[in-house]
Amino acid sequence: FCDYLTACSIAWDKLTDIAGEGGTPRSGVTSRGACQQECIANDVCVGIDVDMNLGSTLCWLHLQEANIWNTRKAKGISLLILNRCNQAGEGTSDD
């Protein structure tokens, strides 16, 4: 949680070839950036799966924090965990 005295920015922690449990598919989303924006715009979204496997739904939103930590190995999928209050110098950027 960010308070008004703390300078915060959005950041993502990326786990390659890992998928979280319980994602909600977003069939109209065609890029990782668009998927990230869908998650940021949803107040309960805690992360996304980006599935680069041909013929698969690209974007999966994680709307329950408890489920995102139940992970499995999944070739071609990246789990990106959203940090809504990244303080300068911590974590990764939104790419």
PDB file of N, CA and C in Angstrom:
ATOM      1  N   PHE A   1       0.841  -1.186   0.000  1.00  0.00           N
ATOM      2  CA  PHE A   1       0.000   0.000   0.000  1.00  0.00           C
ATOM      3  C   PHE A   1       0.871   1.228   0.000  1.00  0.00           C
ATOM      4  N   CYS A   2       0.615   2.177  -0.901  1.00  0.00           N
ATOM      5  CA  CYS A   2       1.360   3.432  -0.974  1.00  0.00           C
ATOM      6  C   CYS A   2       0.648   4.500  -0.158  1.00  0.00           C
ATOM      7  N   ASP A   3       1.422   5.255   0.575  1.00  0.00           N
ATOM      8  CA  ASP A   3       0.837   6.433   1.199  1.00  0.00           C
ATOM      9  C   ASP A   3       1.275   7.658   0.402  1.00  0.00           C
ATOM     10  N   TYR A   4       0.655   8.774   0.640  1.00  0.00           N
ATOM     11  CA  TYR A   4       0.930   9.956  -0.170  1.00  0.00           C
ATOM     12  C   TYR A   4       2.313  10.546   0.049  1.00  0.00           C
ATOM     13  N   LEU A   5       3.035  10.103   1.058  1.00  0.00           N
ATOM     14  CA  LEU A   5       4.368  10.623   1.324  1.00  0.00           C
ATOM     15  C   LEU A   5       5.465   9.825   0.627  1.00  0.00           C
ATOM     16  N   THR A   6       5.129   8.694   0.060  1.00  0.00           N
ATOM     17  CA  THR A   6       6.109   7.812  -0.556  1.00  0.00           C
ATOM     18  C   THR A   6       6.035   7.916  -2.075  1.00  0.00           C
ATOM     19  N   ALA A   7       7.192   8.133  -2.703  1.00  0.00           N
ATOM     20  CA  ALA A   7       7.231   8.150  -4.172  1.00  0.00           C
ATOM     21  C   ALA A   7       7.197   6.710  -4.671  1.00  0.00           C
ATOM     22  N   CYS A   8       6.156   6.358  -5.403  1.00  0.00           N
ATOM     23  CA  CYS A   8       5.985   4.980  -5.859  1.00  0.00           C
ATOM     24  C   CYS A   8       5.781   4.934  -7.366  1.00  0.00           C
ATOM     25  N   SER A   9       6.075   3.787  -7.926  1.00  0.00           N
ATOM     26  CA  SER A   9       5.813   3.545  -9.336  1.00  0.00           C
ATOM     27  C   SER A   9       5.406   2.085  -9.506  1.00  0.00           C
ATOM     28  N   ILE A  10       4.860   1.766 -10.667  1.00  0.00           N
ATOM     29  CA  ILE A  10       4.474   0.396 -10.993  1.00  0.00           C
ATOM     30  C   ILE A  10       5.728  -0.390 -11.382  1.00  0.00           C
ATOM     31  N   ALA A  11       5.823  -1.626 -10.918  1.00  0.00           N
ATOM     32  CA  ALA A  11       6.921  -2.516 -11.308  1.00  0.00           C
ATOM     33  C   ALA A  11       6.376  -3.937 -11.421  1.00  0.00           C
ATOM     34  N   TRP A  12       7.123  -4.777 -12.129  1.00  0.00           N
ATOM     35  CA  TRP A  12       6.721  -6.166 -12.348  1.00  0.00           C
ATOM     36  C   TRP A  12       7.887  -7.082 -12.006  1.00  0.00           C
ATOM     37  N   ASP A  13       7.609  -8.171 -11.306  1.00  0.00           N
ATOM     38  CA  ASP A  13       8.588  -9.239 -11.091  1.00  0.00           C
ATOM     39  C   ASP A  13       8.223 -10.356 -12.058  1.00  0.00           C
ATOM     40  N   LYS A  14       9.195 -10.771 -12.878  1.00  0.00           N
ATOM     41  CA  LYS A  14       8.933 -11.735 -13.949  1.00  0.00           C
ATOM     42  C   LYS A  14       9.545 -13.093 -13.627  1.00  0.00           C
ATOM     43  N   LEU A  15       8.721 -14.137 -13.744  1.00  0.00           N
ATOM     44  CA  LEU A  15       9.160 -15.520 -13.586  1.00  0.00           C
ATOM     45  C   LEU A  15       8.948 -16.213 -14.931  1.00  0.00           C
ATOM     46  N   THR A  16      10.023 -16.576 -15.602  1.00  0.00           N
ATOM     47  CA  THR A  16       9.965 -17.168 -16.934  1.00  0.00           C
ATOM     48  C   THR A  16       9.679 -18.665 -16.859  1.00  0.00           C
ATOM     49  N   ASP A  17       8.849 -19.154 -17.780  1.00  0.00           N
ATOM     50  CA  ASP A  17       8.440 -20.558 -17.857  1.00  0.00           C
ATOM     51  C   ASP A  17       7.732 -21.022 -16.582  1.00  0.00           C
ATOM     52  N   ILE A  18       6.972 -20.094 -15.992  1.00  0.00           N
ATOM     53  CA  ILE A  18       6.178 -20.357 -14.786  1.00  0.00           C
ATOM     54  C   ILE A  18       4.783 -19.776 -15.014  1.00  0.00           C
ATOM     55  N   ALA A  19       3.737 -20.505 -14.620  1.00  0.00           N
ATOM     56  CA  ALA A  19       2.361 -20.020 -14.677  1.00  0.00           C
ATOM     57  C   ALA A  19       1.752 -20.067 -13.288  1.00  0.00           C
ATOM     58  N   GLY A  20       0.925 -19.083 -12.984  1.00  0.00           N
ATOM     59  CA  GLY A  20       0.184 -19.076 -11.731  1.00  0.00           C
ATOM     60  C   GLY A  20      -1.148 -19.789 -11.911  1.00  0.00           C
ATOM     61  N   GLU A  21      -1.749 -20.202 -10.824  1.00  0.00           N
ATOM     62  CA  GLU A  21      -3.040 -20.902 -10.851  1.00  0.00           C
ATOM     63  C   GLU A  21      -4.181 -19.885 -10.842  1.00  0.00           C
ATOM     64  N   GLY A  22      -5.273 -20.222 -11.500  1.00  0.00           N
ATOM     65  CA  GLY A  22      -6.505 -19.451 -11.357  1.00  0.00           C
ATOM     66  C   GLY A  22      -6.591 -18.164 -12.149  1.00  0.00           C
ATOM     67  N   GLY A  23      -5.892 -18.062 -13.270  1.00  0.00           N
ATOM     68  CA  GLY A  23      -5.970 -16.855 -14.086  1.00  0.00           C
ATOM     69  C   GLY A  23      -7.287 -16.748 -14.840  1.00  0.00           C
ATOM     70  N   THR A  24      -7.671 -15.505 -15.136  1.00  0.00           N
ATOM     71  CA  THR A  24      -8.865 -15.221 -15.917  1.00  0.00           C
ATOM     72  C   THR A  24      -8.444 -14.819 -17.325  1.00  0.00           C
ATOM     73  N   PRO A  25      -8.857 -15.563 -18.355  1.00  0.00           N
ATOM     74  CA  PRO A  25      -8.410 -15.259 -19.718  1.00  0.00           C
ATOM     75  C   PRO A  25      -8.985 -13.950 -20.240  1.00  0.00           C
ATOM     76  N   ARG A  26      -8.163 -13.214 -20.989  1.00  0.00           N
ATOM     77  CA  ARG A  26      -8.577 -11.967 -21.655  1.00  0.00           C
ATOM     78  C   ARG A  26      -8.329 -12.159 -23.142  1.00  0.00           C
ATOM     79  N   SER A  27      -9.316 -12.687 -23.850  1.00  0.00           N
ATOM     80  CA  SER A  27      -9.131 -13.134 -25.233  1.00  0.00           C
ATOM     81  C   SER A  27      -8.851 -12.023 -26.236  1.00  0.00           C
ATOM     82  N   GLY A  28      -9.254 -10.789 -25.995  1.00  0.00           N
ATOM     83  CA  GLY A  28      -9.040  -9.720 -26.959  1.00  0.00           C
ATOM     84  C   GLY A  28      -7.692  -9.030 -26.856  1.00  0.00           C
ATOM     85  N   VAL A  29      -6.873  -9.421 -25.907  1.00  0.00           N
ATOM     86  CA  VAL A  29      -5.587  -8.760 -25.664  1.00  0.00           C
ATOM     87  C   VAL A  29      -4.515  -9.426 -26.521  1.00  0.00           C
ATOM     88  N   THR A  30      -3.759  -8.623 -27.276  1.00  0.00           N
ATOM     89  CA  THR A  30      -2.820  -9.183 -28.245  1.00  0.00           C
ATOM     90  C   THR A  30      -1.355  -8.846 -27.985  1.00  0.00           C
ATOM     91  N   SER A  31      -1.038  -8.191 -26.854  1.00  0.00           N
ATOM     92  CA  SER A  31       0.363  -7.908 -26.538  1.00  0.00           C
ATOM     93  C   SER A  31       0.581  -7.936 -25.025  1.00  0.00           C
ATOM     94  N   ARG A  32       1.831  -8.159 -24.644  1.00  0.00           N
ATOM     95  CA  ARG A  32       2.157  -8.164 -23.219  1.00  0.00           C
ATOM     96  C   ARG A  32       1.859  -6.813 -22.586  1.00  0.00           C
ATOM     97  N   GLY A  33       2.198  -5.733 -23.282  1.00  0.00           N
ATOM     98  CA  GLY A  33       1.942  -4.397 -22.748  1.00  0.00           C
ATOM     99  C   GLY A  33       0.468  -4.132 -22.503  1.00  0.00           C
ATOM    100  N   ALA A  34      -0.375  -4.567 -23.442  1.00  0.00           N
ATOM    101  CA  ALA A  34      -1.818  -4.402 -23.277  1.00  0.00           C
ATOM    102  C   ALA A  34      -2.325  -5.236 -22.107  1.00  0.00           C
ATOM    103  N   CYS A  35      -1.767  -6.416 -21.930  1.00  0.00           N
ATOM    104  CA  CYS A  35      -2.140  -7.274 -20.801  1.00  0.00           C
ATOM    105  C   CYS A  35      -1.756  -6.604 -19.477  1.00  0.00           C
ATOM    106  N   GLN A  36      -0.568  -6.033 -19.442  1.00  0.00           N
ATOM    107  CA  GLN A  36      -0.128  -5.321 -18.236  1.00  0.00           C
ATOM    108  C   GLN A  36      -1.070  -4.158 -17.926  1.00  0.00           C
ATOM    109  N   GLN A  37      -1.479  -3.418 -18.942  1.00  0.00           N
ATOM    110  CA  GLN A  37      -2.384  -2.288 -18.731  1.00  0.00           C
ATOM    111  C   GLN A  37      -3.753  -2.755 -18.233  1.00  0.00           C
ATOM    112  N   GLU A  38      -4.239  -3.892 -18.740  1.00  0.00           N
ATOM    113  CA  GLU A  38      -5.508  -4.464 -18.247  1.00  0.00           C
ATOM    114  C   GLU A  38      -5.405  -4.748 -16.755  1.00  0.00           C
ATOM    115  N   CYS A  39      -4.278  -5.297 -16.339  1.00  0.00           N
ATOM    116  CA  CYS A  39      -4.080  -5.626 -14.924  1.00  0.00           C
ATOM    117  C   CYS A  39      -4.002  -4.355 -14.073  1.00  0.00           C
ATOM    118  N   ILE A  40      -3.224  -3.391 -14.524  1.00  0.00           N
ATOM    119  CA  ILE A  40      -3.073  -2.141 -13.767  1.00  0.00           C
ATOM    120  C   ILE A  40      -4.427  -1.456 -13.595  1.00  0.00           C
ATOM    121  N   ALA A  41      -5.263  -1.509 -14.618  1.00  0.00           N
ATOM    122  CA  ALA A  41      -6.569  -0.851 -14.579  1.00  0.00           C
ATOM    123  C   ALA A  41      -7.570  -1.568 -13.667  1.00  0.00           C
ATOM    124  N   ASN A  42      -7.285  -2.803 -13.293  1.00  0.00           N
ATOM    125  CA  ASN A  42      -8.177  -3.592 -12.441  1.00  0.00           C
ATOM    126  C   ASN A  42      -7.621  -3.570 -11.015  1.00  0.00           C
ATOM    127  N   ASP A  43      -8.333  -2.947 -10.102  1.00  0.00           N
ATOM    128  CA  ASP A  43      -7.847  -2.755  -8.729  1.00  0.00           C
ATOM    129  C   ASP A  43      -7.521  -4.045  -7.986  1.00  0.00           C
ATOM    130  N   VAL A  44      -8.126  -5.164  -8.355  1.00  0.00           N
ATOM    131  CA  VAL A  44      -7.869  -6.408  -7.637  1.00  0.00           C
ATOM    132  C   VAL A  44      -6.835  -7.295  -8.332  1.00  0.00           C
ATOM    133  N   CYS A  45      -6.349  -6.873  -9.488  1.00  0.00           N
ATOM    134  CA  CYS A  45      -5.371  -7.671 -10.224  1.00  0.00           C
ATOM    135  C   CYS A  45      -4.006  -7.628  -9.525  1.00  0.00           C
ATOM    136  N   VAL A  46      -3.422  -8.827  -9.322  1.00  0.00           N
ATOM    137  CA  VAL A  46      -2.118  -8.921  -8.647  1.00  0.00           C
ATOM    138  C   VAL A  46      -1.017  -9.405  -9.578  1.00  0.00           C
ATOM    139  N   GLY A  47      -1.378  -9.784 -10.808  1.00  0.00           N
ATOM    140  CA  GLY A  47      -0.369 -10.240 -11.749  1.00  0.00           C
ATOM    141  C   GLY A  47      -1.008 -10.824 -12.996  1.00  0.00           C
ATOM    142  N   ILE A  48      -0.143 -11.231 -13.925  1.00  0.00           N
ATOM    143  CA  ILE A  48      -0.612 -11.784 -15.196  1.00  0.00           C
ATOM    144  C   ILE A  48       0.246 -12.974 -15.601  1.00  0.00           C
ATOM    145  N   ASP A  49      -0.347 -13.852 -16.390  1.00  0.00           N
ATOM    146  CA  ASP A  49       0.407 -14.840 -17.150  1.00  0.00           C
ATOM    147  C   ASP A  49       0.392 -14.361 -18.591  1.00  0.00           C
ATOM    148  N   VAL A  50       1.541 -14.366 -19.242  1.00  0.00           N
ATOM    149  CA  VAL A  50       1.635 -14.059 -20.657  1.00  0.00           C
ATOM    150  C   VAL A  50       2.058 -15.346 -21.348  1.00  0.00           C
ATOM    151  N   ASP A  51       1.158 -15.886 -22.166  1.00  0.00           N
ATOM    152  CA  ASP A  51       1.369 -17.171 -22.831  1.00  0.00           C
ATOM    153  C   ASP A  51       1.745 -16.925 -24.284  1.00  0.00           C
ATOM    154  N   MET A  52       2.996 -17.184 -24.636  1.00  0.00           N
ATOM    155  CA  MET A  52       3.493 -16.942 -25.987  1.00  0.00           C
ATOM    156  C   MET A  52       3.382 -18.181 -26.875  1.00  0.00           C
ATOM    157  N   ASN A  53       2.748 -19.241 -26.385  1.00  0.00           N
ATOM    158  CA  ASN A  53       2.567 -20.457 -27.178  1.00  0.00           C
ATOM    159  C   ASN A  53       1.531 -20.218 -28.264  1.00  0.00           C
ATOM    160  N   LEU A  54       1.854 -20.599 -29.483  1.00  0.00           N
ATOM    161  CA  LEU A  54       0.995 -20.399 -30.644  1.00  0.00           C
ATOM    162  C   LEU A  54      -0.380 -21.033 -30.421  1.00  0.00           C
ATOM    163  N   GLY A  55      -1.431 -20.283 -30.690  1.00  0.00           N
ATOM    164  CA  GLY A  55      -2.786 -20.800 -30.566  1.00  0.00           C
ATOM    165  C   GLY A  55      -3.374 -20.690 -29.169  1.00  0.00           C
ATOM    166  N   SER A  56      -2.619 -20.162 -28.223  1.00  0.00           N
ATOM    167  CA  SER A  56      -3.095 -20.030 -26.845  1.00  0.00           C
ATOM    168  C   SER A  56      -3.590 -18.614 -26.574  1.00  0.00           C
ATOM    169  N   THR A  57      -4.421 -18.467 -25.552  1.00  0.00           N
ATOM    170  CA  THR A  57      -4.807 -17.129 -25.090  1.00  0.00           C
ATOM    171  C   THR A  57      -3.567 -16.466 -24.526  1.00  0.00           C
ATOM    172  N   LEU A  58      -3.245 -15.273 -24.995  1.00  0.00           N
ATOM    173  CA  LEU A  58      -2.020 -14.579 -24.599  1.00  0.00           C
ATOM    174  C   LEU A  58      -2.056 -14.084 -23.161  1.00  0.00           C
ATOM    175  N   CYS A  59      -3.175 -13.518 -22.741  1.00  0.00           N
ATOM    176  CA  CYS A  59      -3.246 -12.777 -21.474  1.00  0.00           C
ATOM    177  C   CYS A  59      -4.181 -13.432 -20.470  1.00  0.00           C
ATOM    178  N   TRP A  60      -3.654 -13.665 -19.270  1.00  0.00           N
ATOM    179  CA  TRP A  60      -4.436 -14.204 -18.163  1.00  0.00           C
ATOM    180  C   TRP A  60      -4.232 -13.293 -16.962  1.00  0.00           C
ATOM    181  N   LEU A  61      -5.323 -12.741 -16.421  1.00  0.00           N
ATOM    182  CA  LEU A  61      -5.236 -11.885 -15.238  1.00  0.00           C
ATOM    183  C   LEU A  61      -5.384 -12.728 -13.974  1.00  0.00           C
ATOM    184  N   HIS A  62      -4.595 -12.396 -12.976  1.00  0.00           N
ATOM    185  CA  HIS A  62      -4.724 -13.042 -11.665  1.00  0.00           C
ATOM    186  C   HIS A  62      -5.415 -12.072 -10.721  1.00  0.00           C
ATOM    187  N   LEU A  63      -6.616 -12.457 -10.297  1.00  0.00           N
ATOM    188  CA  LEU A  63      -7.457 -11.571  -9.494  1.00  0.00           C
ATOM    189  C   LEU A  63      -7.562 -12.009  -8.036  1.00  0.00           C
ATOM    190  N   GLN A  64      -6.885 -13.085  -7.682  1.00  0.00           N
ATOM    191  CA  GLN A  64      -6.866 -13.562  -6.292  1.00  0.00           C
ATOM    192  C   GLN A  64      -5.421 -13.820  -5.902  1.00  0.00           C
ATOM    193  N   GLU A  65      -4.938 -13.063  -4.939  1.00  0.00           N
ATOM    194  CA  GLU A  65      -3.534 -13.169  -4.559  1.00  0.00           C
ATOM    195  C   GLU A  65      -3.158 -14.575  -4.092  1.00  0.00           C
ATOM    196  N   ALA A  66      -4.036 -15.247  -3.386  1.00  0.00           N
ATOM    197  CA  ALA A  66      -3.721 -16.589  -2.882  1.00  0.00           C
ATOM    198  C   ALA A  66      -3.392 -17.554  -4.017  1.00  0.00           C
ATOM    199  N   ASN A  67      -4.069 -17.428  -5.156  1.00  0.00           N
ATOM    200  CA  ASN A  67      -3.852 -18.352  -6.275  1.00  0.00           C
ATOM    201  C   ASN A  67      -2.543 -18.116  -7.013  1.00  0.00           C
ATOM    202  N   ILE A  68      -2.078 -16.880  -7.068  1.00  0.00           N
ATOM    203  CA  ILE A  68      -0.899 -16.575  -7.881  1.00  0.00           C
ATOM    204  C   ILE A  68       0.352 -17.293  -7.367  1.00  0.00           C
ATOM    205  N   TRP A  69       0.376 -17.622  -6.099  1.00  0.00           N
ATOM    206  CA  TRP A  69       1.563 -18.283  -5.522  1.00  0.00           C
ATOM    207  C   TRP A  69       1.553 -19.789  -5.743  1.00  0.00           C
ATOM    208  N   ASN A  70       0.437 -20.342  -6.230  1.00  0.00           N
ATOM    209  CA  ASN A  70       0.384 -21.745  -6.631  1.00  0.00           C
ATOM    210  C   ASN A  70       0.862 -21.815  -8.079  1.00  0.00           C
ATOM    211  N   THR A  71       2.130 -22.107  -8.264  1.00  0.00           N
ATOM    212  CA  THR A  71       2.721 -22.038  -9.597  1.00  0.00           C
ATOM    213  C   THR A  71       3.067 -23.420 -10.129  1.00  0.00           C
ATOM    214  N   ARG A  72       3.273 -23.456 -11.452  1.00  0.00           N
ATOM    215  CA  ARG A  72       3.718 -24.686 -12.102  1.00  0.00           C
ATOM    216  C   ARG A  72       4.671 -24.307 -13.221  1.00  0.00           C
ATOM    217  N   LYS A  73       5.534 -25.230 -13.604  1.00  0.00           N
ATOM    218  CA  LYS A  73       6.399 -25.013 -14.756  1.00  0.00           C
ATOM    219  C   LYS A  73       5.534 -25.007 -16.003  1.00  0.00           C
ATOM    220  N   ALA A  74       5.805 -24.066 -16.910  1.00  0.00           N
ATOM    221  CA  ALA A  74       4.984 -23.948 -18.112  1.00  0.00           C
ATOM    222  C   ALA A  74       5.807 -23.283 -19.216  1.00  0.00           C
ATOM    223  N   LYS A  75       6.331 -24.076 -20.110  1.00  0.00           N
ATOM    224  CA  LYS A  75       7.178 -23.557 -21.188  1.00  0.00           C
ATOM    225  C   LYS A  75       6.425 -22.534 -22.032  1.00  0.00           C
ATOM    226  N   GLY A  76       7.066 -21.393 -22.267  1.00  0.00           N
ATOM    227  CA  GLY A  76       6.479 -20.350 -23.096  1.00  0.00           C
ATOM    228  C   GLY A  76       5.568 -19.380 -22.363  1.00  0.00           C
ATOM    229  N   ILE A  77       5.397 -19.578 -21.066  1.00  0.00           N
ATOM    230  CA  ILE A  77       4.546 -18.692 -20.265  1.00  0.00           C
ATOM    231  C   ILE A  77       5.412 -17.953 -19.248  1.00  0.00           C
ATOM    232  N   SER A  78       5.143 -16.662 -19.084  1.00  0.00           N
ATOM    233  CA  SER A  78       5.805 -15.871 -18.050  1.00  0.00           C
ATOM    234  C   SER A  78       4.764 -15.366 -17.069  1.00  0.00           C
ATOM    235  N   LEU A  79       5.054 -15.527 -15.795  1.00  0.00           N
ATOM    236  CA  LEU A  79       4.223 -14.985 -14.728  1.00  0.00           C
ATOM    237  C   LEU A  79       4.819 -13.641 -14.332  1.00  0.00           C
ATOM    238  N   LEU A  80       4.033 -12.587 -14.436  1.00  0.00           N
ATOM    239  CA  LEU A  80       4.468 -11.258 -14.035  1.00  0.00           C
ATOM    240  C   LEU A  80       3.639 -10.828 -12.836  1.00  0.00           C
ATOM    241  N   ILE A  81       4.301 -10.578 -11.729  1.00  0.00           N
ATOM    242  CA  ILE A  81       3.634 -10.201 -10.492  1.00  0.00           C
ATOM    243  C   ILE A  81       3.700  -8.683 -10.355  1.00  0.00           C
ATOM    244  N   LEU A  82       2.552  -8.062 -10.167  1.00  0.00           N
ATOM    245  CA  LEU A  82       2.437  -6.612 -10.114  1.00  0.00           C
ATOM    246  C   LEU A  82       2.796  -6.070  -8.738  1.00  0.00           C
ATOM    247  N   ASN A  83       3.664  -5.078  -8.727  1.00  0.00           N
ATOM    248  CA  ASN A  83       3.993  -4.332  -7.527  1.00  0.00           C
ATOM    249  C   ASN A  83       3.485  -2.912  -7.766  1.00  0.00           C
ATOM    250  N   ARG A  84       2.362  -2.582  -7.158  1.00  0.00           N
ATOM    251  CA  ARG A  84       1.735  -1.279  -7.380  1.00  0.00           C
ATOM    252  C   ARG A  84       2.458  -0.137  -6.678  1.00  0.00           C
ATOM    253  N   CYS A  85       3.319  -0.442  -5.746  1.00  0.00           N
ATOM    254  CA  CYS A  85       4.025   0.608  -5.015  1.00  0.00           C
ATOM    255  C   CYS A  85       5.505   0.280  -4.932  1.00  0.00           C
ATOM    256  N   ASN A  86       6.167   0.326  -6.062  1.00  0.00           N
ATOM    257  CA  ASN A  86       7.595   0.083  -6.107  1.00  0.00           C
ATOM    258  C   ASN A  86       8.325   1.370  -5.759  1.00  0.00           C
ATOM    259  N   GLN A  87       9.151   1.323  -4.726  1.00  0.00           N
ATOM    260  CA  GLN A  87       9.930   2.493  -4.377  1.00  0.00           C
ATOM    261  C   GLN A  87      11.171   2.541  -5.256  1.00  0.00           C
ATOM    262  N   ALA A  88      11.622   3.718  -5.571  1.00  0.00           N
ATOM    263  CA  ALA A  88      12.736   3.921  -6.498  1.00  0.00           C
ATOM    264  C   ALA A  88      13.888   2.976  -6.196  1.00  0.00           C
ATOM    265  N   GLY A  89      14.356   2.286  -7.266  1.00  0.00           N
ATOM    266  CA  GLY A  89      15.521   1.418  -7.142  1.00  0.00           C
ATOM    267  C   GLY A  89      15.220  -0.010  -6.756  1.00  0.00           C
ATOM    268  N   GLU A  90      13.957  -0.370  -6.518  1.00  0.00           N
ATOM    269  CA  GLU A  90      13.620  -1.735  -6.126  1.00  0.00           C
ATOM    270  C   GLU A  90      12.883  -2.429  -7.262  1.00  0.00           C
ATOM    271  N   GLY A  91      13.090  -3.748  -7.421  1.00  0.00           N
ATOM    272  CA  GLY A  91      12.342  -4.534  -8.394  1.00  0.00           C
ATOM    273  C   GLY A  91      12.678  -4.188  -9.820  1.00  0.00           C
ATOM    274  N   THR A  92      11.767  -4.518 -10.726  1.00  0.00           N
ATOM    275  CA  THR A  92      11.966  -4.286 -12.150  1.00  0.00           C
ATOM    276  C   THR A  92      10.966  -3.263 -12.646  1.00  0.00           C
ATOM    277  N   SER A  93      11.182  -2.784 -13.837  1.00  0.00           N
ATOM    278  CA  SER A  93      10.261  -1.803 -14.424  1.00  0.00           C
ATOM    279  C   SER A  93       9.067  -2.523 -15.042  1.00  0.00           C
ATOM    280  N   ASP A  94       8.246  -1.787 -15.764  1.00  0.00           N
ATOM    281  CA  ASP A  94       7.033  -2.372 -16.340  1.00  0.00           C
ATOM    282  C   ASP A  94       7.255  -3.018 -17.692  1.00  0.00           C
ATOM    283  N   ASP A  95       8.481  -3.365 -18.041  1.00  0.00           N
ATOM    284  CA  ASP A  95       8.707  -4.020 -19.342  1.00  0.00           C
ATOM    285  C   ASP A  95       8.975  -5.487 -19.218  1.00  0.00           C
TER     286      ASP A  95
END
